Amino acid sequence: MRVPIFDLRVTDPEIRRELLDSIEKVFDHGRLFLGPEVEEFEHQVAQFIGTKYAIGVSSGSSALYLALRAVGIGPGDEVITTPLTWIISSNAISACGATPVFVDVRDDFNIDPVAIESEITSRTKAIVPVHYAGHLCDMEAIQEIAERNNILVIEDAAQAFGAGRYRQRAGSFSVAAGFSMNPMKVLGGYGEAGVVVTSEEEVFKKIKQLRHAGTTSDPKKVITNDCREVALNHKMDTINAALLLVALRHLSSRMECREMIARRYNSRLPKEIKRQESVGDEVHARYVYPIITENRNEFRRFLESQEIETKIMHEPLVCDAPVYKGCRAVTPRARNILAESLIIPSHEKLTTDQIDFVVDAAASFFKN
């Protein structure tokens, strides 16, 4: 039985009809850039996250970069972050002219607050925690460290739309946060898209300017070269926003389905497999389902032989990428976790038979 790691087809006829209808409406009004659907999407995201503002942009990469730029991250600054993430977390920092500093993670894949504190210097301007796979970082501890040391927190919430704890959503624990709406994410669009959220008015105004090439341009007025800061085009297409509005309507059912799959895995996978544990009243976004096992490579080959697709996520560690080898990095636990971690299928299109097939395959491997 084939079990894909992702399935990006639109197979639900009702959703397919809603998507096509939303595109027709955009074709009818013709505002293909920053149209009314973008404004509505921004309004709904801000309400959902619990921030005053949301700004639709062209990708999750743009979202994090613009968040960092807007809060003043620049040359000479150091930004503490995790090495166990996609490269863009650090590329966004470096693109601002700042230097990433890599600290270790906890067993739950997320940045370790204790490790953060030991690397703070006079040049430290910010912390960028990454909610790995949709599991919220220890934001209470990170906020306390940031406040005590007078530094900023900017969340890389690319994998965590819908995650939350303490009755707060991911993205609302910081001065600004970036989300990705890549098709693989739990709030997946149908192409690249992202959003920045903030409750700071000045940050909001700066991001709106930066996403429009740093100019004071307004689609309702004459296009101008009145450029206040050097920036590129980071605007969200109206069609992307229209499609994401449809995805938002179905977000709760999609999250419920992924949570159900996670619960089934949690209760039935063999004891030799460690899971990423949720804590307390946390809502996990379930971007993917990561596991840890000492037999990772052999286990992966076995699953692939059973036509169960898997993925090793974020290899090598960012601090081991050639471009970052000169940066400070103390990451022994992250290195061990990367060597033993694996992503197994957990998307909402899986059938119960496919989920049980993965569980039975895992049981068979560890039994033998």
Foldseek 3Di string as FASTA:
>chain_A
DAADQDDLDDDDVVLVVLLVVLVVVCVVVVPFFPDPLQVVLFVVLCVQQVAPTKHKWQALLLQLLLLCVLVPQAAQAEEEEALQAALSNQVSNVVRNYAYAHFAPDPLSWRDLVRVLVPDDPRYAEYETECPQQADDPLVSVLVSCVVVVHFYEYADQQHAPKDDPPGGPQASGQKYKYWQDQLHLLHFDHGMIMMGHRDPSSVVSSVCQLCQQAPDDPVDDDDPRHDDGHDHTTDTSSRSSRSVSSVVCSVVQLVLLVVLVVVCVVQADPQKAWNDHDDPIRGRRSFTKIFHPCQVVLQVLCVVVNWDKDQPNPPRSCPPPVNVPHHYDYPPSRNRSVGMMTGHRGNVDDPVRSVVVRVSNVVVVVD
